[in-house]
Amino acid sequence: MAGEEGSGRPTVKLLQTYPGIGLISSMVIRHTLEPLTRFFTTRKVVAYVGLDPVEDSSGERKRFGSISKAGSRLLRFVLGQAGLVACRRDESLGRFYKRIAARRNHQTAKVAVAASFSSVRLS
């Protein structure tokens, strides 16, 4: 079974120590992002996952739009769900989520937490 095969790996065990990440989430993250040494910065991880904003600039005007949606849809979904669970367990992420949700909306806050979660926790 796939769970038995991947659950013994050190990377999978390490990922499961973070709040919100279980066995299946850690296996999805591992199989999509490994080897992590190919990413030089946390911004590269966020861009690879597709959680970075699309920039529409012309001359002096800069506009940041929605997320780029590059990369794995499954990984974005898993990070979003893990981020929401982590918001309930991690006080600082919870405050970050509530602050964004009050200014924008639930979906924007969820994406912001997933991007924050992927850049800080996974690299």
PDB file of N, CA and C in Angstrom:
ATOM      1  N   MET A   1       0.841  -1.179   0.000  1.00  0.00           N
ATOM      2  CA  MET A   1       0.000   0.000   0.000  1.00  0.00           C
ATOM      3  C   MET A   1       0.887   1.243   0.000  1.00  0.00           C
ATOM      4  N   ALA A   2       0.424   2.312  -0.630  1.00  0.00           N
ATOM      5  CA  ALA A   2       1.239   3.520  -0.783  1.00  0.00           C
ATOM      6  C   ALA A   2       1.547   4.168   0.559  1.00  0.00           C
ATOM      7  N   GLY A   3       0.624   4.144   1.488  1.00  0.00           N
ATOM      8  CA  GLY A   3       0.845   4.752   2.789  1.00  0.00           C
ATOM      9  C   GLY A   3       1.972   4.078   3.561  1.00  0.00           C
ATOM     10  N   GLU A   4       2.034   2.766   3.437  1.00  0.00           N
ATOM     11  CA  GLU A   4       3.085   2.029   4.127  1.00  0.00           C
ATOM     12  C   GLU A   4       4.443   2.290   3.494  1.00  0.00           C
ATOM     13  N   GLU A   5       4.464   2.450   2.167  1.00  0.00           N
ATOM     14  CA  GLU A   5       5.716   2.686   1.460  1.00  0.00           C
ATOM     15  C   GLU A   5       6.302   4.051   1.794  1.00  0.00           C
ATOM     16  N   GLY A   6       5.475   5.093   1.798  1.00  0.00           N
ATOM     17  CA  GLY A   6       5.975   6.445   1.986  1.00  0.00           C
ATOM     18  C   GLY A   6       6.084   6.888   3.423  1.00  0.00           C
ATOM     19  N   SER A   7       5.382   6.223   4.336  1.00  0.00           N
ATOM     20  CA  SER A   7       5.340   6.717   5.709  1.00  0.00           C
ATOM     21  C   SER A   7       6.665   6.562   6.444  1.00  0.00           C
ATOM     22  N   GLY A   8       7.544   5.686   5.966  1.00  0.00           N
ATOM     23  CA  GLY A   8       8.815   5.481   6.645  1.00  0.00           C
ATOM     24  C   GLY A   8       9.903   6.445   6.204  1.00  0.00           C
ATOM     25  N   ARG A   9       9.666   7.229   5.184  1.00  0.00           N
ATOM     26  CA  ARG A   9      10.684   8.147   4.668  1.00  0.00           C
ATOM     27  C   ARG A   9      10.905   9.291   5.653  1.00  0.00           C
ATOM     28  N   PRO A  10      12.165   9.729   5.833  1.00  0.00           N
ATOM     29  CA  PRO A  10      12.435  10.806   6.790  1.00  0.00           C
ATOM     30  C   PRO A  10      11.775  12.131   6.415  1.00  0.00           C
ATOM     31  N   THR A  11      11.692  12.436   5.125  1.00  0.00           N
ATOM     32  CA  THR A  11      11.053  13.686   4.698  1.00  0.00           C
ATOM     33  C   THR A  11       9.576  13.690   5.061  1.00  0.00           C
ATOM     34  N   VAL A  12       8.920  12.560   4.849  1.00  0.00           N
ATOM     35  CA  VAL A  12       7.496  12.445   5.159  1.00  0.00           C
ATOM     36  C   VAL A  12       7.281  12.588   6.659  1.00  0.00           C
ATOM     37  N   LYS A  13       8.120  11.956   7.444  1.00  0.00           N
ATOM     38  CA  LYS A  13       8.009  12.058   8.911  1.00  0.00           C
ATOM     39  C   LYS A  13       8.220  13.502   9.370  1.00  0.00           C
ATOM     40  N   LEU A  14       9.199  14.189   8.777  1.00  0.00           N
ATOM     41  CA  LEU A  14       9.479  15.573   9.144  1.00  0.00           C
ATOM     42  C   LEU A  14       8.304  16.482   8.795  1.00  0.00           C
ATOM     43  N   LEU A  15       7.729  16.310   7.618  1.00  0.00           N
ATOM     44  CA  LEU A  15       6.590  17.138   7.219  1.00  0.00           C
ATOM     45  C   LEU A  15       5.384  16.934   8.127  1.00  0.00           C
ATOM     46  N   GLN A  16       5.223  15.728   8.641  1.00  0.00           N
ATOM     47  CA  GLN A  16       4.078  15.442   9.508  1.00  0.00           C
ATOM     48  C   GLN A  16       4.191  16.104  10.873  1.00  0.00           C
ATOM     49  N   THR A  17       5.350  16.640  11.208  1.00  0.00           N
ATOM     50  CA  THR A  17       5.485  17.334  12.487  1.00  0.00           C
ATOM     51  C   THR A  17       4.837  18.710  12.448  1.00  0.00           C
ATOM     52  N   TYR A  18       4.564  19.241  11.256  1.00  0.00           N
ATOM     53  CA  TYR A  18       3.918  20.547  11.143  1.00  0.00           C
ATOM     54  C   TYR A  18       2.418  20.398  11.336  1.00  0.00           C
ATOM     55  N   PRO A  19       1.794  21.370  11.996  1.00  0.00           N
ATOM     56  CA  PRO A  19       0.348  21.269  12.193  1.00  0.00           C
ATOM     57  C   PRO A  19      -0.377  21.359  10.854  1.00  0.00           C
ATOM     58  N   GLY A  20      -1.361  20.494  10.675  1.00  0.00           N
ATOM     59  CA  GLY A  20      -2.161  20.531   9.462  1.00  0.00           C
ATOM     60  C   GLY A  20      -1.697  19.577   8.376  1.00  0.00           C
ATOM     61  N   ILE A  21      -0.545  18.960   8.544  1.00  0.00           N
ATOM     62  CA  ILE A  21      -0.026  18.064   7.515  1.00  0.00           C
ATOM     63  C   ILE A  21      -0.027  16.638   8.044  1.00  0.00           C
ATOM     64  N   GLY A  22      -0.802  15.785   7.359  1.00  0.00           N
ATOM     65  CA  GLY A  22      -0.870  14.373   7.703  1.00  0.00           C
ATOM     66  C   GLY A  22      -0.066  13.546   6.723  1.00  0.00           C
ATOM     67  N   LEU A  23      -0.342  12.252   6.704  1.00  0.00           N
ATOM     68  CA  LEU A  23       0.415  11.328   5.866  1.00  0.00           C
ATOM     69  C   LEU A  23       0.227  11.620   4.376  1.00  0.00           C
ATOM     70  N   ILE A  24      -1.002  11.744   3.936  1.00  0.00           N
ATOM     71  CA  ILE A  24      -1.246  11.949   2.504  1.00  0.00           C
ATOM     72  C   ILE A  24      -0.739  13.318   2.074  1.00  0.00           C
ATOM     73  N   SER A  25      -0.968  14.334   2.876  1.00  0.00           N
ATOM     74  CA  SER A  25      -0.473  15.671   2.537  1.00  0.00           C
ATOM     75  C   SER A  25       1.045  15.671   2.426  1.00  0.00           C
ATOM     76  N   SER A  26       1.701  15.032   3.363  1.00  0.00           N
ATOM     77  CA  SER A  26       3.163  15.012   3.331  1.00  0.00           C
ATOM     78  C   SER A  26       3.691  14.244   2.123  1.00  0.00           C
ATOM     79  N   MET A  27       2.991  13.193   1.720  1.00  0.00           N
ATOM     80  CA  MET A  27       3.421  12.440   0.542  1.00  0.00           C
ATOM     81  C   MET A  27       3.220  13.251  -0.739  1.00  0.00           C
ATOM     82  N   VAL A  28       2.116  13.993  -0.820  1.00  0.00           N
ATOM     83  CA  VAL A  28       1.879  14.854  -1.989  1.00  0.00           C
ATOM     84  C   VAL A  28       2.963  15.927  -2.066  1.00  0.00           C
ATOM     85  N   ILE A  29       3.265  16.545  -0.946  1.00  0.00           N
ATOM     86  CA  ILE A  29       4.293  17.596  -0.915  1.00  0.00           C
ATOM     87  C   ILE A  29       5.648  17.013  -1.297  1.00  0.00           C
ATOM     88  N   ARG A  30       5.980  15.874  -0.730  1.00  0.00           N
ATOM     89  CA  ARG A  30       7.272  15.255  -1.011  1.00  0.00           C
ATOM     90  C   ARG A  30       7.422  14.905  -2.482  1.00  0.00           C
ATOM     91  N   HIS A  31       6.428  14.267  -3.043  1.00  0.00           N
ATOM     92  CA  HIS A  31       6.526  13.820  -4.434  1.00  0.00           C
ATOM     93  C   HIS A  31       6.474  14.970  -5.425  1.00  0.00           C
ATOM     94  N   THR A  32       5.860  16.074  -5.052  1.00  0.00           N
ATOM     95  CA  THR A  32       5.780  17.209  -5.964  1.00  0.00           C
ATOM     96  C   THR A  32       7.013  18.094  -5.877  1.00  0.00           C
ATOM     97  N   LEU A  33       7.548  18.293  -4.691  1.00  0.00           N
ATOM     98  CA  LEU A  33       8.622  19.273  -4.514  1.00  0.00           C
ATOM     99  C   LEU A  33      10.036  18.699  -4.435  1.00  0.00           C
ATOM    100  N   GLU A  34      10.181  17.421  -4.148  1.00  0.00           N
ATOM    101  CA  GLU A  34      11.543  16.905  -3.997  1.00  0.00           C
ATOM    102  C   GLU A  34      12.263  16.829  -5.325  1.00  0.00           C
ATOM    103  N   PRO A  35      13.537  17.058  -5.372  1.00  0.00           N
ATOM    104  CA  PRO A  35      14.423  17.469  -4.288  1.00  0.00           C
ATOM    105  C   PRO A  35      14.294  18.972  -4.014  1.00  0.00           C
ATOM    106  N   LEU A  36      14.209  19.339  -2.760  1.00  0.00           N
ATOM    107  CA  LEU A  36      14.055  20.747  -2.380  1.00  0.00           C
ATOM    108  C   LEU A  36      15.300  21.570  -2.651  1.00  0.00           C
ATOM    109  N   THR A  37      16.418  20.922  -2.880  1.00  0.00           N
ATOM    110  CA  THR A  37      17.663  21.657  -3.130  1.00  0.00           C
ATOM    111  C   THR A  37      17.622  22.416  -4.454  1.00  0.00           C
ATOM    112  N   ARG A  38      16.672  22.092  -5.328  1.00  0.00           N
ATOM    113  CA  ARG A  38      16.581  22.806  -6.604  1.00  0.00           C
ATOM    114  C   ARG A  38      15.983  24.198  -6.446  1.00  0.00           C
ATOM    115  N   PHE A  39      15.372  24.484  -5.302  1.00  0.00           N
ATOM    116  CA  PHE A  39      14.801  25.802  -5.034  1.00  0.00           C
ATOM    117  C   PHE A  39      15.787  26.600  -4.186  1.00  0.00           C
ATOM    118  N   PHE A  40      16.265  27.714  -4.726  1.00  0.00           N
ATOM    119  CA  PHE A  40      17.266  28.508  -4.018  1.00  0.00           C
ATOM    120  C   PHE A  40      16.648  29.432  -2.977  1.00  0.00           C
ATOM    121  N   THR A  41      15.415  29.867  -3.198  1.00  0.00           N
ATOM    122  CA  THR A  41      14.748  30.755  -2.246  1.00  0.00           C
ATOM    123  C   THR A  41      13.333  30.255  -1.987  1.00  0.00           C
ATOM    124  N   THR A  42      12.730  30.777  -0.929  1.00  0.00           N
ATOM    125  CA  THR A  42      11.350  30.405  -0.619  1.00  0.00           C
ATOM    126  C   THR A  42      10.387  30.952  -1.670  1.00  0.00           C
ATOM    127  N   ARG A  43      10.731  32.064  -2.279  1.00  0.00           N
ATOM    128  CA  ARG A  43       9.873  32.624  -3.336  1.00  0.00           C
ATOM    129  C   ARG A  43       9.792  31.697  -4.542  1.00  0.00           C
ATOM    130  N   LYS A  44      10.875  30.955  -4.802  1.00  0.00           N
ATOM    131  CA  LYS A  44      10.877  29.996  -5.906  1.00  0.00           C
ATOM    132  C   LYS A  44       9.905  28.851  -5.622  1.00  0.00           C
ATOM    133  N   VAL A  45       9.821  28.432  -4.366  1.00  0.00           N
ATOM    134  CA  VAL A  45       8.877  27.378  -3.995  1.00  0.00           C
ATOM    135  C   VAL A  45       7.448  27.867  -4.200  1.00  0.00           C
ATOM    136  N   VAL A  46       7.162  29.073  -3.734  1.00  0.00           N
ATOM    137  CA  VAL A  46       5.823  29.646  -3.866  1.00  0.00           C
ATOM    138  C   VAL A  46       5.454  29.798  -5.342  1.00  0.00           C
ATOM    139  N   ALA A  47       6.395  30.234  -6.168  1.00  0.00           N
ATOM    140  CA  ALA A  47       6.143  30.393  -7.601  1.00  0.00           C
ATOM    141  C   ALA A  47       5.928  29.037  -8.267  1.00  0.00           C
ATOM    142  N   TYR A  48       6.699  28.031  -7.875  1.00  0.00           N
ATOM    143  CA  TYR A  48       6.559  26.698  -8.460  1.00  0.00           C
ATOM    144  C   TYR A  48       5.191  26.093  -8.146  1.00  0.00           C
ATOM    145  N   VAL A  49       4.719  26.346  -6.940  1.00  0.00           N
ATOM    146  CA  VAL A  49       3.416  25.830  -6.531  1.00  0.00           C
ATOM    147  C   VAL A  49       2.291  26.593  -7.227  1.00  0.00           C
ATOM    148  N   GLY A  50       2.538  27.847  -7.604  1.00  0.00           N
ATOM    149  CA  GLY A  50       1.523  28.651  -8.278  1.00  0.00           C
ATOM    150  C   GLY A  50       0.756  29.566  -7.352  1.00  0.00           C
ATOM    151  N   LEU A  51       1.322  29.870  -6.197  1.00  0.00           N
ATOM    152  CA  LEU A  51       0.659  30.743  -5.235  1.00  0.00           C
ATOM    153  C   LEU A  51       1.197  32.170  -5.276  1.00  0.00           C
ATOM    154  N   ASP A  52       2.008  32.482  -6.273  1.00  0.00           N
ATOM    155  CA  ASP A  52       2.544  33.836  -6.408  1.00  0.00           C
ATOM    156  C   ASP A  52       1.572  34.693  -7.236  1.00  0.00           C
ATOM    157  N   PRO A  53       1.495  35.997  -6.955  1.00  0.00           N
ATOM    158  CA  PRO A  53       0.564  36.839  -7.707  1.00  0.00           C
ATOM    159  C   PRO A  53       1.074  37.115  -9.123  1.00  0.00           C
ATOM    160  N   VAL A  54       0.127  37.259 -10.040  1.00  0.00           N
ATOM    161  CA  VAL A  54       0.452  37.627 -11.413  1.00  0.00           C
ATOM    162  C   VAL A  54       0.609  39.142 -11.451  1.00  0.00           C
ATOM    163  N   GLU A  55       1.697  39.593 -12.076  1.00  0.00           N
ATOM    164  CA  GLU A  55       1.957  41.027 -12.152  1.00  0.00           C
ATOM    165  C   GLU A  55       1.594  41.541 -13.538  1.00  0.00           C
ATOM    166  N   ASP A  56       0.842  42.631 -13.573  1.00  0.00           N
ATOM    167  CA  ASP A  56       0.481  43.293 -14.825  1.00  0.00           C
ATOM    168  C   ASP A  56       0.996  44.718 -14.725  1.00  0.00           C
ATOM    169  N   SER A  57       2.186  44.955 -15.273  1.00  0.00           N
ATOM    170  CA  SER A  57       2.831  46.258 -15.135  1.00  0.00           C
ATOM    171  C   SER A  57       2.995  46.903 -16.497  1.00  0.00           C
ATOM    172  N   SER A  58       2.888  48.214 -16.483  1.00  0.00           N
ATOM    173  CA  SER A  58       3.104  48.981 -17.698  1.00  0.00           C
ATOM    174  C   SER A  58       3.597  50.361 -17.298  1.00  0.00           C
ATOM    175  N   GLY A  59       4.827  50.672 -17.667  1.00  0.00           N
ATOM    176  CA  GLY A  59       5.385  51.978 -17.320  1.00  0.00           C
ATOM    177  C   GLY A  59       5.497  52.156 -15.824  1.00  0.00           C
ATOM    178  N   GLU A  60       4.858  53.172 -15.316  1.00  0.00           N
ATOM    179  CA  GLU A  60       4.897  53.487 -13.880  1.00  0.00           C
ATOM    180  C   GLU A  60       3.892  52.667 -13.063  1.00  0.00           C
ATOM    181  N   ARG A  61       2.923  52.078 -13.737  1.00  0.00           N
ATOM    182  CA  ARG A  61       1.826  51.396 -13.049  1.00  0.00           C
ATOM    183  C   ARG A  61       2.201  49.941 -12.766  1.00  0.00           C
ATOM    184  N   LYS A  62       1.975  49.513 -11.527  1.00  0.00           N
ATOM    185  CA  LYS A  62       2.167  48.113 -11.146  1.00  0.00           C
ATOM    186  C   LYS A  62       0.862  47.603 -10.562  1.00  0.00           C
ATOM    187  N   ARG A  63       0.430  46.449 -11.046  1.00  0.00           N
ATOM    188  CA  ARG A  63      -0.799  45.846 -10.548  1.00  0.00           C
ATOM    189  C   ARG A  63      -0.538  44.367 -10.310  1.00  0.00           C
ATOM    190  N   PHE A  64      -0.828  43.904  -9.099  1.00  0.00           N
ATOM    191  CA  PHE A  64      -0.700  42.494  -8.769  1.00  0.00           C
ATOM    192  C   PHE A  64      -2.090  41.899  -8.712  1.00  0.00           C
ATOM    193  N   GLY A  65      -2.309  40.870  -9.505  1.00  0.00           N
ATOM    194  CA  GLY A  65      -3.629  40.265  -9.614  1.00  0.00           C
ATOM    195  C   GLY A  65      -3.750  38.976  -8.843  1.00  0.00           C
ATOM    196  N   SER A  66      -4.468  38.038  -9.441  1.00  0.00           N
ATOM    197  CA  SER A  66      -4.717  36.757  -8.797  1.00  0.00           C
ATOM    198  C   SER A  66      -3.469  35.879  -8.844  1.00  0.00           C
ATOM    199  N   ILE A  67      -3.562  34.703  -8.258  1.00  0.00           N
ATOM    200  CA  ILE A  67      -2.412  33.803  -8.243  1.00  0.00           C
ATOM    201  C   ILE A  67      -2.161  33.245  -9.637  1.00  0.00           C
ATOM    202  N   SER A  68      -0.936  32.820  -9.896  1.00  0.00           N
ATOM    203  CA  SER A  68      -0.558  32.372 -11.233  1.00  0.00           C
ATOM    204  C   SER A  68      -1.120  30.992 -11.582  1.00  0.00           C
ATOM    205  N   LYS A  69      -1.402  30.166 -10.610  1.00  0.00           N
ATOM    206  CA  LYS A  69      -1.929  28.813 -10.788  1.00  0.00           C
ATOM    207  C   LYS A  69      -1.001  27.911 -11.596  1.00  0.00           C
ATOM    208  N   ALA A  70       0.276  28.227 -11.598  1.00  0.00           N
ATOM    209  CA  ALA A  70       1.255  27.325 -12.214  1.00  0.00           C
ATOM    210  C   ALA A  70       1.492  26.171 -11.254  1.00  0.00           C
ATOM    211  N   GLY A  71       1.904  25.060 -11.752  1.00  0.00           N
ATOM    212  CA  GLY A  71       2.215  23.936 -10.876  1.00  0.00           C
ATOM    213  C   GLY A  71       1.019  23.048 -10.608  1.00  0.00           C
ATOM    214  N   SER A  72       1.132  22.264  -9.579  1.00  0.00           N
ATOM    215  CA  SER A  72       0.170  21.217  -9.269  1.00  0.00           C
ATOM    216  C   SER A  72      -1.069  21.763  -8.571  1.00  0.00           C
ATOM    217  N   ARG A  73      -2.241  21.480  -9.146  1.00  0.00           N
ATOM    218  CA  ARG A  73      -3.501  21.864  -8.511  1.00  0.00           C
ATOM    219  C   ARG A  73      -3.686  21.116  -7.197  1.00  0.00           C
ATOM    220  N   LEU A  74      -3.293  19.859  -7.198  1.00  0.00           N
ATOM    221  CA  LEU A  74      -3.424  19.044  -5.992  1.00  0.00           C
ATOM    222  C   LEU A  74      -2.583  19.608  -4.858  1.00  0.00           C
ATOM    223  N   LEU A  75      -1.362  20.024  -5.170  1.00  0.00           N
ATOM    224  CA  LEU A  75      -0.491  20.584  -4.134  1.00  0.00           C
ATOM    225  C   LEU A  75      -1.061  21.896  -3.594  1.00  0.00           C
ATOM    226  N   ARG A  76      -1.603  22.745  -4.471  1.00  0.00           N
ATOM    227  CA  ARG A  76      -2.229  23.988  -3.993  1.00  0.00           C
ATOM    228  C   ARG A  76      -3.408  23.679  -3.081  1.00  0.00           C
ATOM    229  N   PHE A  77      -4.215  22.695  -3.442  1.00  0.00           N
ATOM    230  CA  PHE A  77      -5.349  22.302  -2.617  1.00  0.00           C
ATOM    231  C   PHE A  77      -4.883  21.792  -1.252  1.00  0.00           C
ATOM    232  N   VAL A  78      -3.889  20.913  -1.272  1.00  0.00           N
ATOM    233  CA  VAL A  78      -3.371  20.330  -0.022  1.00  0.00           C
ATOM    234  C   VAL A  78      -2.795  21.417   0.878  1.00  0.00           C
ATOM    235  N   LEU A  79      -2.034  22.344   0.297  1.00  0.00           N
ATOM    236  CA  LEU A  79      -1.461  23.435   1.100  1.00  0.00           C
ATOM    237  C   LEU A  79      -2.545  24.349   1.653  1.00  0.00           C
ATOM    238  N   GLY A  80      -3.591  24.582   0.876  1.00  0.00           N
ATOM    239  CA  GLY A  80      -4.702  25.399   1.362  1.00  0.00           C
ATOM    240  C   GLY A  80      -5.398  24.752   2.546  1.00  0.00           C
ATOM    241  N   GLN A  81      -5.672  23.455   2.431  1.00  0.00           N
ATOM    242  CA  GLN A  81      -6.318  22.746   3.532  1.00  0.00           C
ATOM    243  C   GLN A  81      -5.411  22.652   4.755  1.00  0.00           C
ATOM    244  N   ALA A  82      -4.143  22.373   4.522  1.00  0.00           N
ATOM    245  CA  ALA A  82      -3.191  22.296   5.638  1.00  0.00           C
ATOM    246  C   ALA A  82      -3.047  23.655   6.311  1.00  0.00           C
ATOM    247  N   GLY A  83      -3.066  24.713   5.516  1.00  0.00           N
ATOM    248  CA  GLY A  83      -2.980  26.058   6.067  1.00  0.00           C
ATOM    249  C   GLY A  83      -4.164  26.397   6.953  1.00  0.00           C
ATOM    250  N   LEU A  84      -5.374  25.975   6.533  1.00  0.00           N
ATOM    251  CA  LEU A  84      -6.561  26.239   7.355  1.00  0.00           C
ATOM    252  C   LEU A  84      -6.520  25.481   8.671  1.00  0.00           C
ATOM    253  N   VAL A  85      -6.064  24.246   8.625  1.00  0.00           N
ATOM    254  CA  VAL A  85      -5.940  23.470   9.869  1.00  0.00           C
ATOM    255  C   VAL A  85      -4.871  24.098  10.758  1.00  0.00           C
ATOM    256  N   ALA A  86      -3.772  24.529  10.154  1.00  0.00           N
ATOM    257  CA  ALA A  86      -2.688  25.138  10.923  1.00  0.00           C
ATOM    258  C   ALA A  86      -3.132  26.459  11.552  1.00  0.00           C
ATOM    259  N   CYS A  87      -4.046  27.161  10.906  1.00  0.00           N
ATOM    260  CA  CYS A  87      -4.566  28.418  11.476  1.00  0.00           C
ATOM    261  C   CYS A  87      -5.260  28.177  12.812  1.00  0.00           C
ATOM    262  N   ARG A  88      -5.917  27.033  12.925  1.00  0.00           N
ATOM    263  CA  ARG A  88      -6.604  26.713  14.178  1.00  0.00           C
ATOM    264  C   ARG A  88      -5.635  26.291  15.271  1.00  0.00           C
ATOM    265  N   ARG A  89      -4.478  25.769  14.878  1.00  0.00           N
ATOM    266  CA  ARG A  89      -3.528  25.245  15.861  1.00  0.00           C
ATOM    267  C   ARG A  89      -2.374  26.184  16.156  1.00  0.00           C
ATOM    268  N   ASP A  90      -2.016  27.024  15.186  1.00  0.00           N
ATOM    269  CA  ASP A  90      -0.890  27.951  15.339  1.00  0.00           C
ATOM    270  C   ASP A  90      -1.445  29.361  15.516  1.00  0.00           C
ATOM    271  N   GLU A  91      -1.146  29.966  16.657  1.00  0.00           N
ATOM    272  CA  GLU A  91      -1.711  31.268  16.988  1.00  0.00           C
ATOM    273  C   GLU A  91      -1.301  32.365  16.003  1.00  0.00           C
ATOM    274  N   SER A  92      -0.040  32.388  15.611  1.00  0.00           N
ATOM    275  CA  SER A  92       0.428  33.457  14.715  1.00  0.00           C
ATOM    276  C   SER A  92      -0.188  33.329  13.318  1.00  0.00           C
ATOM    277  N   LEU A  93      -0.319  32.112  12.809  1.00  0.00           N
ATOM    278  CA  LEU A  93      -0.987  31.920  11.520  1.00  0.00           C
ATOM    279  C   LEU A  93      -2.465  32.272  11.616  1.00  0.00           C
ATOM    280  N   GLY A  94      -3.077  31.969  12.744  1.00  0.00           N
ATOM    281  CA  GLY A  94      -4.481  32.316  12.955  1.00  0.00           C
ATOM    282  C   GLY A  94      -4.705  33.817  12.939  1.00  0.00           C
ATOM    283  N   ARG A  95      -3.812  34.560  13.585  1.00  0.00           N
ATOM    284  CA  ARG A  95      -3.921  36.026  13.564  1.00  0.00           C
ATOM    285  C   ARG A  95      -3.720  36.567  12.152  1.00  0.00           C
ATOM    286  N   PHE A  96      -2.742  36.002  11.431  1.00  0.00           N
ATOM    287  CA  PHE A  96      -2.476  36.408  10.051  1.00  0.00           C
ATOM    288  C   PHE A  96      -3.710  36.174   9.183  1.00  0.00           C
ATOM    289  N   TYR A  97      -4.331  35.008   9.320  1.00  0.00           N
ATOM    290  CA  TYR A  97      -5.532  34.668   8.555  1.00  0.00           C
ATOM    291  C   TYR A  97      -6.676  35.646   8.865  1.00  0.00           C
ATOM    292  N   LYS A  98      -6.917  35.895  10.142  1.00  0.00           N
ATOM    293  CA  LYS A  98      -8.024  36.785  10.530  1.00  0.00           C
ATOM    294  C   LYS A  98      -7.808  38.208  10.048  1.00  0.00           C
ATOM    295  N   ARG A  99      -6.554  38.666  10.070  1.00  0.00           N
ATOM    296  CA  ARG A  99      -6.244  40.016   9.600  1.00  0.00           C
ATOM    297  C   ARG A  99      -6.525  40.156   8.096  1.00  0.00           C
ATOM    298  N   ILE A 100      -6.123  39.173   7.302  1.00  0.00           N
ATOM    299  CA  ILE A 100      -6.362  39.218   5.859  1.00  0.00           C
ATOM    300  C   ILE A 100      -7.849  39.054   5.555  1.00  0.00           C
ATOM    301  N   ALA A 101      -8.513  38.136   6.254  1.00  0.00           N
ATOM    302  CA  ALA A 101      -9.935  37.891   6.020  1.00  0.00           C
ATOM    303  C   ALA A 101     -10.775  39.120   6.353  1.00  0.00           C
ATOM    304  N   ALA A 102     -10.362  39.882   7.348  1.00  0.00           N
ATOM    305  CA  ALA A 102     -11.107  41.097   7.699  1.00  0.00           C
ATOM    306  C   ALA A 102     -10.967  42.160   6.616  1.00  0.00           C
ATOM    307  N   ARG A 103      -9.787  42.257   6.002  1.00  0.00           N
ATOM    308  CA  ARG A 103      -9.555  43.250   4.948  1.00  0.00           C
ATOM    309  C   ARG A 103     -10.115  42.807   3.609  1.00  0.00           C
ATOM    310  N   ARG A 104      -9.943  41.531   3.273  1.00  0.00           N
ATOM    311  CA  ARG A 104     -10.326  41.022   1.944  1.00  0.00           C
ATOM    312  C   ARG A 104     -11.507  40.069   2.078  1.00  0.00           C
ATOM    313  N   ASN A 105     -11.249  38.790   1.961  1.00  0.00           N
ATOM    314  CA  ASN A 105     -12.277  37.767   2.132  1.00  0.00           C
ATOM    315  C   ASN A 105     -11.626  36.442   2.521  1.00  0.00           C
ATOM    316  N   HIS A 106     -12.465  35.445   2.716  1.00  0.00           N
ATOM    317  CA  HIS A 106     -11.992  34.131   3.178  1.00  0.00           C
ATOM    318  C   HIS A 106     -11.041  33.487   2.177  1.00  0.00           C
ATOM    319  N   GLN A 107     -11.372  33.523   0.894  1.00  0.00           N
ATOM    320  CA  GLN A 107     -10.544  32.861  -0.118  1.00  0.00           C
ATOM    321  C   GLN A 107      -9.162  33.505  -0.240  1.00  0.00           C
ATOM    322  N   THR A 108      -9.123  34.826  -0.225  1.00  0.00           N
ATOM    323  CA  THR A 108      -7.844  35.532  -0.305  1.00  0.00           C
ATOM    324  C   THR A 108      -6.985  35.208   0.911  1.00  0.00           C
ATOM    325  N   ALA A 109      -7.612  35.156   2.071  1.00  0.00           N
ATOM    326  CA  ALA A 109      -6.879  34.820   3.294  1.00  0.00           C
ATOM    327  C   ALA A 109      -6.364  33.384   3.242  1.00  0.00           C
ATOM    328  N   LYS A 110      -7.155  32.477   2.682  1.00  0.00           N
ATOM    329  CA  LYS A 110      -6.748  31.077   2.566  1.00  0.00           C
ATOM    330  C   LYS A 110      -5.529  30.948   1.660  1.00  0.00           C
ATOM    331  N   VAL A 111      -5.525  31.654   0.537  1.00  0.00           N
ATOM    332  CA  VAL A 111      -4.387  31.622  -0.387  1.00  0.00           C
ATOM    333  C   VAL A 111      -3.159  32.261   0.260  1.00  0.00           C
ATOM    334  N   ALA A 112      -3.357  33.353   0.981  1.00  0.00           N
ATOM    335  CA  ALA A 112      -2.235  34.014   1.653  1.00  0.00           C
ATOM    336  C   ALA A 112      -1.605  33.102   2.697  1.00  0.00           C
ATOM    337  N   VAL A 113      -2.432  32.395   3.449  1.00  0.00           N
ATOM    338  CA  VAL A 113      -1.917  31.466   4.458  1.00  0.00           C
ATOM    339  C   VAL A 113      -1.199  30.297   3.783  1.00  0.00           C
ATOM    340  N   ALA A 114      -1.761  29.779   2.681  1.00  0.00           N
ATOM    341  CA  ALA A 114      -1.110  28.671   1.964  1.00  0.00           C
ATOM    342  C   ALA A 114       0.243  29.109   1.421  1.00  0.00           C
ATOM    343  N   ALA A 115       0.321  30.322   0.876  1.00  0.00           N
ATOM    344  CA  ALA A 115       1.600  30.828   0.368  1.00  0.00           C
ATOM    345  C   ALA A 115       2.591  31.024   1.507  1.00  0.00           C
ATOM    346  N   SER A 116       2.114  31.584   2.603  1.00  0.00           N
ATOM    347  CA  SER A 116       2.969  31.777   3.771  1.00  0.00           C
ATOM    348  C   SER A 116       3.415  30.428   4.331  1.00  0.00           C
ATOM    349  N   PHE A 117       2.479  29.509   4.401  1.00  0.00           N
ATOM    350  CA  PHE A 117       2.751  28.171   4.916  1.00  0.00           C
ATOM    351  C   PHE A 117       3.796  27.472   4.054  1.00  0.00           C
ATOM    352  N   SER A 118       3.648  27.588   2.739  1.00  0.00           N
ATOM    353  CA  SER A 118       4.590  26.891   1.850  1.00  0.00           C
ATOM    354  C   SER A 118       5.974  27.546   1.867  1.00  0.00           C
ATOM    355  N   SER A 119       6.020  28.856   1.995  1.00  0.00           N
ATOM    356  CA  SER A 119       7.334  29.503   1.965  1.00  0.00           C
ATOM    357  C   SER A 119       8.080  29.327   3.278  1.00  0.00           C
ATOM    358  N   VAL A 120       7.387  29.411   4.385  1.00  0.00           N
ATOM    359  CA  VAL A 120       8.065  29.346   5.684  1.00  0.00           C
ATOM    360  C   VAL A 120       8.304  27.911   6.120  1.00  0.00           C
ATOM    361  N   ARG A 121       7.318  27.066   5.986  1.00  0.00           N
ATOM    362  CA  ARG A 121       7.390  25.721   6.551  1.00  0.00           C
ATOM    363  C   ARG A 121       8.150  24.716   5.676  1.00  0.00           C
ATOM    364  N   LEU A 122       8.034  24.855   4.374  1.00  0.00           N
ATOM    365  CA  LEU A 122       8.535  23.795   3.515  1.00  0.00           C
ATOM    366  C   LEU A 122       9.966  23.983   3.039  1.00  0.00           C
ATOM    367  N   SER A 123      10.507  25.169   3.182  1.00  0.00           N
ATOM    368  CA  SER A 123      11.854  25.353   2.628  1.00  0.00           C
ATOM    369  C   SER A 123      12.912  25.349   3.716  1.00  0.00           C
TER     370      SER A 123
END
